[in-house]
Every structure is written in C-alpha cells, then in structure tokens.
Amino acid sequence: MQDYNYVNSNCFEITLELSCCKYPNVSKLKEEWDNNKEALLTYMEMVFKTHLFLPHLEDFSIPFFLS
C-alpha cells in the first residue's frame, strides 16, 4: 500500500519494525515502547522540522532537491 499511496496520492508512509516478532505479547509492548520511545520521538521531530523547510513546488513532478 505504501508504494501505491506515494505514486498515486503523493502520500509518504513508513513502516517501523521494532522487533522480529510480528505479534508481540501484550506484556512486551511497554518494554518495546520504552526501548524505542526516544528514537521514535526524535524521528518525528526531524520529519516535522524538515517538512517546514521544504520548498513548496508548483510542479511536483520535479523532486525538491533538483529545484
């Protein structure tokens, strides 16, 4: 779905896999959050800051880094 959304609606999605276990036990969720909270929040902060400074292009067919 991610590729389809990006190509057809310019919506960029990511998937973060925090462990090799697809369906972790509920008792492990708090531990996974604690182990990854700081990194996830830092990532979200960087995405937010970067998005604010991207140029708004009239022609979205040209990648922003080429303009």
Protein backbone atom coordinates (compact mmCIF):
# COMPACT_ATOMS: atom_id res chain seq x y z
CA MET A 1 0.00 0.00 0.00
CA GLN A 2 2.88 2.39 0.70
CA ASP A 3 4.15 2.47 -2.88
CA TYR A 4 0.62 2.85 -4.26
CA ASN A 5 -0.11 5.78 -1.94
CA TYR A 6 3.16 7.52 -2.78
CA VAL A 7 2.75 7.14 -6.53
CA ASN A 8 -0.97 7.93 -6.72
CA SER A 9 -1.54 10.47 -3.97
CA ASN A 10 1.92 11.81 -3.05
CA CYS A 11 1.37 10.39 0.44
CA PHE A 12 4.55 9.05 2.02
CA GLU A 13 4.11 6.29 4.60
CA ILE A 14 6.69 4.31 6.51
CA THR A 15 6.64 1.06 8.42
CA LEU A 16 8.76 0.76 11.53
CA GLU A 17 9.55 -2.76 12.62
CA LEU A 18 10.84 -2.71 16.17
CA SER A 19 11.42 -6.41 16.62
CA CYS A 20 11.37 -9.62 14.63
CA CYS A 21 8.15 -10.70 16.35
CA LYS A 22 5.12 -9.81 14.23
CA TYR A 23 2.59 -10.12 17.06
CA PRO A 24 4.36 -9.46 20.37
CA ASN A 25 2.74 -10.46 23.60
CA VAL A 26 0.83 -7.58 25.23
CA SER A 27 3.14 -7.79 28.22
CA LYS A 28 6.09 -6.85 25.96
CA LEU A 29 4.51 -3.72 24.44
CA LYS A 30 5.50 -1.40 27.29
CA GLU A 31 9.08 -2.67 27.10
CA GLU A 32 9.19 -2.12 23.31
CA TRP A 33 7.84 1.41 23.75
CA ASP A 34 10.38 2.20 26.48
CA ASN A 35 13.22 0.83 24.34
CA ASN A 36 12.27 2.89 21.28
CA LYS A 37 10.41 5.94 22.58
CA GLU A 38 13.30 8.41 22.37
CA ALA A 39 14.33 7.33 18.87
CA LEU A 40 10.74 7.48 17.59
CA LEU A 41 10.12 10.92 19.05
CA THR A 42 13.42 12.20 17.62
CA TYR A 43 12.48 10.83 14.21
CA MET A 44 9.08 12.55 14.37
CA GLU A 45 10.74 15.81 15.40
CA MET A 46 13.19 15.66 12.48
CA VAL A 47 10.39 14.92 9.99
CA PHE A 48 8.41 17.88 11.32
CA LYS A 49 11.40 20.26 11.15
CA THR A 50 12.41 19.08 7.68
CA HIS A 51 8.87 19.42 6.34
CA LEU A 52 8.69 23.05 7.43
CA PHE A 53 11.74 23.97 5.36
CA LEU A 54 10.98 22.08 2.14
CA PRO A 55 10.24 24.41 -0.74
CA HIS A 56 6.67 24.37 -1.97
CA LEU A 57 6.93 23.49 -5.63
CA GLU A 58 4.39 24.36 -8.27
CA ASP A 59 5.45 21.33 -10.30
CA PHE A 60 5.51 18.24 -8.09
CA SER A 61 6.99 16.14 -10.88
CA ILE A 62 10.39 17.73 -10.16
CA PRO A 63 12.00 16.39 -6.98
CA PHE A 64 12.53 19.22 -4.48
CA PHE A 65 16.29 18.60 -4.35
CA LEU A 66 16.62 19.35 -8.08
CA SER A 67 14.90 22.71 -7.99
